[in-house]
Amino acid sequence: MKTIIAIDPGASGGIAVRYGDGTVDARKVPDTPKDTCDFLATIQAGALDHGVRAYMEEVSGYAGTGHPGSFMFRFGQTYGNLEGFLIALGIPFELVRPQKWMKALGIPPIGIQRGDYKGLSAEDAAKKRKHITQTNNRLKAAHKNRLKERAQRLFPQIKVTLANADALLLLEYGCKQENIPIATPANQSGH
């Protein structure tokens, strides 16, 4: 059966793999580009008999407020490296917006609040902005924890972390797209 790779290229992203034998592995994206490329090459080499396909979360150039330019640069560099490795290794892949894979899995959106500051004094606008930012941070944290809980239910034998939870759920999406069953608990491992 085909090997499926799911990649969350986020700042603390992860890679999840469902190998052709049904074994599932999930880990944080390796720390160096060489380690990442080597890991993907090992997966690809092991899947020569059955084929491999990757699903990578498509991201925009905006990583949220409060991130310095150096963070955004590293984020873009990691994303570009991952895409380049897939191309260089000849691994077919699909870029999937988070909204698309979450909707396909029945995961509700975060519900981020937006602010209207028209007619407010600078002081009132700053207070409102601070309140909305705090509320959105709580909403995002709760959403991430719900994603982690879902991944833990799907993959009870894997040590699910915030770093690999999105990749595991993207793996669920990729397996559904390929009509490949998610692994049984006996065939799961985690790093």
Protein backbone atom coordinates (compact mmCIF):
# COMPACT_ATOMS: atom_id res chain seq x y z
CA MET A 1 0.00 0.00 0.00
CA LYS A 2 1.15 3.57 -0.71
CA THR A 3 3.11 5.52 1.91
CA ILE A 4 1.53 8.84 2.91
CA ILE A 5 3.53 11.73 4.35
CA ALA A 6 1.87 14.69 6.07
CA ILE A 7 3.87 17.80 6.84
CA ASP A 8 2.98 20.73 9.09
CA PRO A 9 5.72 23.22 8.21
CA GLY A 10 4.84 25.59 11.08
CA ALA A 11 7.36 27.12 13.44
CA SER A 12 7.15 24.05 15.66
CA GLY A 13 5.77 21.76 12.98
CA GLY A 14 5.78 18.05 12.55
CA ILE A 15 5.91 15.22 10.05
CA ALA A 16 3.59 12.21 10.22
CA VAL A 17 3.99 9.15 8.02
CA ARG A 18 1.74 6.19 7.32
CA TYR A 19 4.03 3.60 5.82
CA GLY A 20 2.82 1.03 3.31
CA ASP A 21 2.67 -1.65 6.01
CA GLY A 22 0.25 0.45 8.09
CA THR A 23 2.83 1.65 10.60
CA VAL A 24 2.44 5.29 11.61
CA ASP A 25 5.25 7.53 12.82
CA ALA A 26 5.05 11.14 13.97
CA ARG A 27 7.80 13.51 14.95
CA LYS A 28 8.82 17.14 15.10
CA VAL A 29 10.34 18.45 11.86
CA PRO A 30 14.07 17.66 12.24
CA ASP A 31 16.26 20.51 13.44
CA THR A 32 18.45 20.86 10.34
CA PRO A 33 17.66 20.92 6.63
CA LYS A 34 20.06 17.99 6.05
CA ASP A 35 18.34 15.88 8.71
CA THR A 36 14.94 16.73 7.22
CA CYS A 37 16.04 15.85 3.69
CA ASP A 38 17.64 12.61 4.89
CA PHE A 39 14.45 11.63 6.74
CA LEU A 40 12.29 12.27 3.66
CA ALA A 41 14.80 10.42 1.44
CA THR A 42 14.65 7.39 3.77
CA ILE A 43 10.85 7.39 3.56
CA GLN A 44 10.95 7.70 -0.23
CA ALA A 45 13.53 4.91 -0.60
CA GLY A 46 11.44 2.58 1.53
CA ALA A 47 8.33 3.24 -0.53
CA LEU A 48 9.74 2.42 -3.99
CA ASP A 49 7.62 -0.73 -4.33
CA HIS A 50 4.32 0.87 -3.38
CA GLY A 51 4.66 4.57 -4.08
CA VAL A 52 4.54 7.63 -1.87
CA ARG A 53 2.52 10.84 -1.76
CA ALA A 54 2.87 13.84 0.53
CA TYR A 55 0.37 16.36 1.82
CA MET A 56 1.87 19.59 3.10
CA GLU A 57 -0.03 22.33 4.81
CA GLU A 58 -0.07 25.39 2.58
CA VAL A 59 0.77 28.51 4.49
CA SER A 60 0.56 32.20 3.75
CA GLY A 61 3.30 34.73 4.26
CA TYR A 62 1.58 35.98 7.41
CA ALA A 63 2.58 34.20 10.63
CA GLY A 64 0.54 36.35 13.00
CA THR A 65 1.23 39.43 15.01
CA GLY A 66 4.12 39.70 17.41
CA HIS A 67 6.62 37.78 15.27
CA PRO A 68 9.86 39.54 14.28
CA GLY A 69 11.09 39.54 10.71
CA SER A 70 13.74 36.94 11.56
CA PHE A 71 11.00 34.50 12.64
CA MET A 72 9.11 35.06 9.41
CA PHE A 73 12.30 34.54 7.41
CA ARG A 74 13.09 31.20 9.16
CA PHE A 75 9.49 30.10 8.72
CA GLY A 76 9.60 30.82 4.98
CA GLN A 77 13.01 29.18 4.68
CA THR A 78 11.75 25.98 6.35
CA TYR A 79 8.65 25.93 4.13
CA GLY A 80 10.75 26.42 0.98
CA ASN A 81 13.23 23.75 2.06
CA LEU A 82 10.45 21.22 2.63
CA GLU A 83 8.85 21.94 -0.74
CA GLY A 84 12.26 21.76 -2.44
CA PHE A 85 13.12 18.44 -0.79
CA LEU A 86 9.84 16.90 -1.97
CA ILE A 87 10.48 18.13 -5.52
CA ALA A 88 14.14 17.02 -5.55
CA LEU A 89 13.26 13.57 -4.19
CA GLY A 90 10.49 13.13 -6.76
CA ILE A 91 7.79 12.78 -4.10
CA PRO A 92 4.44 13.92 -5.52
CA PHE A 93 2.70 16.27 -3.14
CA GLU A 94 -0.34 18.43 -2.64
CA LEU A 95 -0.42 21.72 -0.78
CA VAL A 96 -3.53 21.88 1.41
CA ARG A 97 -4.84 24.98 3.16
CA PRO A 98 -5.58 24.33 6.84
CA GLN A 99 -9.20 25.39 6.32
CA LYS A 100 -9.62 22.71 3.62
CA TRP A 101 -8.28 19.74 5.58
CA MET A 102 -10.00 20.82 8.79
CA LYS A 103 -13.33 21.23 7.00
CA ALA A 104 -12.95 17.82 5.34
CA LEU A 105 -12.41 16.30 8.80
CA GLY A 106 -15.35 18.18 10.32
CA ILE A 107 -13.16 20.37 12.53
CA PRO A 108 -14.83 23.74 13.22
CA PRO A 109 -12.88 26.95 12.56
CA ILE A 110 -11.18 28.78 15.41
CA GLY A 111 -13.59 31.74 15.41
CA ILE A 112 -11.00 34.50 15.54
CA GLN A 113 -12.43 37.86 16.54
CA ARG A 114 -11.84 40.98 14.48
CA GLY A 115 -11.99 44.50 15.80
CA ASP A 116 -13.73 47.61 14.57
CA TYR A 117 -11.92 50.63 15.93
CA LYS A 118 -13.80 53.36 14.07
CA GLY A 119 -14.77 56.25 16.27
CA LEU A 120 -12.71 55.06 19.22
CA SER A 121 -10.12 57.20 20.93
CA ALA A 122 -6.53 55.97 20.69
CA GLU A 123 -6.72 54.80 24.31
CA ASP A 124 -10.01 52.92 23.83
CA ALA A 125 -8.78 51.38 20.58
CA ALA A 126 -5.61 50.15 22.34
CA LYS A 127 -7.70 48.60 25.14
CA LYS A 128 -10.00 46.91 22.64
CA ARG A 129 -7.03 45.65 20.59
CA LYS A 130 -5.44 44.20 23.73
CA HIS A 131 -8.71 42.50 24.75
CA ILE A 132 -9.22 41.02 21.27
CA THR A 133 -5.61 39.79 21.14
CA GLN A 134 -5.98 38.08 24.53
CA THR A 135 -9.30 36.52 23.51
CA ASN A 136 -7.85 35.29 20.21
CA ASN A 137 -4.82 33.81 21.96
CA ARG A 138 -7.15 31.86 24.28
CA LEU A 139 -9.24 30.71 21.30
CA LYS A 140 -6.12 29.55 19.41
CA ALA A 141 -4.77 27.67 22.44
CA ALA A 142 -8.13 25.94 23.00
CA HIS A 143 -8.32 25.05 19.29
CA LYS A 144 -4.78 23.59 19.29
CA ASN A 145 -5.63 21.51 22.35
CA ARG A 146 -8.80 20.19 20.65
CA LEU A 147 -6.70 19.18 17.64
CA LYS A 148 -4.22 17.43 19.93
CA GLU A 149 -7.06 15.58 21.70
CA ARG A 150 -8.48 14.39 18.37
CA ALA A 151 -5.07 13.16 17.24
CA GLN A 152 -4.64 11.35 20.58
CA ARG A 153 -7.96 9.54 20.05
CA LEU A 154 -7.00 8.55 16.48
CA PHE A 155 -3.46 7.49 17.36
CA PRO A 156 -3.52 6.32 21.00
CA GLN A 157 -0.13 4.57 20.81
CA ILE A 158 1.69 7.67 19.58
CA LYS A 159 2.97 10.37 21.89
CA VAL A 160 0.95 13.23 20.42
CA THR A 161 2.35 16.69 21.05
CA LEU A 162 1.41 20.15 19.88
CA ALA A 163 4.33 19.81 17.43
CA ASN A 164 2.95 16.71 15.67
CA ALA A 165 -0.83 16.91 16.21
CA ASP A 166 -1.57 18.94 13.06
CA ALA A 167 0.63 16.63 10.97
CA LEU A 168 -1.23 13.58 12.30
CA LEU A 169 -4.59 15.12 11.41
CA LEU A 170 -3.29 16.14 8.00
CA LEU A 171 -2.22 12.49 7.67
CA GLU A 172 -5.82 11.49 8.42
CA TYR A 173 -6.91 13.85 5.61
CA GLY A 174 -4.30 12.45 3.19
CA CYS A 175 -5.29 8.85 3.93
CA LYS A 176 -8.94 9.72 3.27
CA GLN A 177 -7.98 11.34 -0.04
CA GLU A 178 -6.07 8.20 -1.05
CA ASN A 179 -8.74 5.80 0.31
CA ILE A 180 -6.14 4.27 2.60
CA PRO A 181 -7.19 3.19 6.10
CA ILE A 182 -5.63 4.88 9.10
CA ALA A 183 -3.31 2.47 10.88
CA THR A 184 -4.53 0.21 13.63
CA PRO A 185 -3.25 0.94 17.16
CA ALA A 186 -0.94 -2.10 16.97
CA ASN A 187 0.96 -0.51 14.07
CA GLN A 188 1.73 2.87 15.60
CA SER A 189 4.94 4.37 16.88
CA GLY A 190 5.97 7.85 17.84
CA HIS A 191 9.06 9.94 18.51
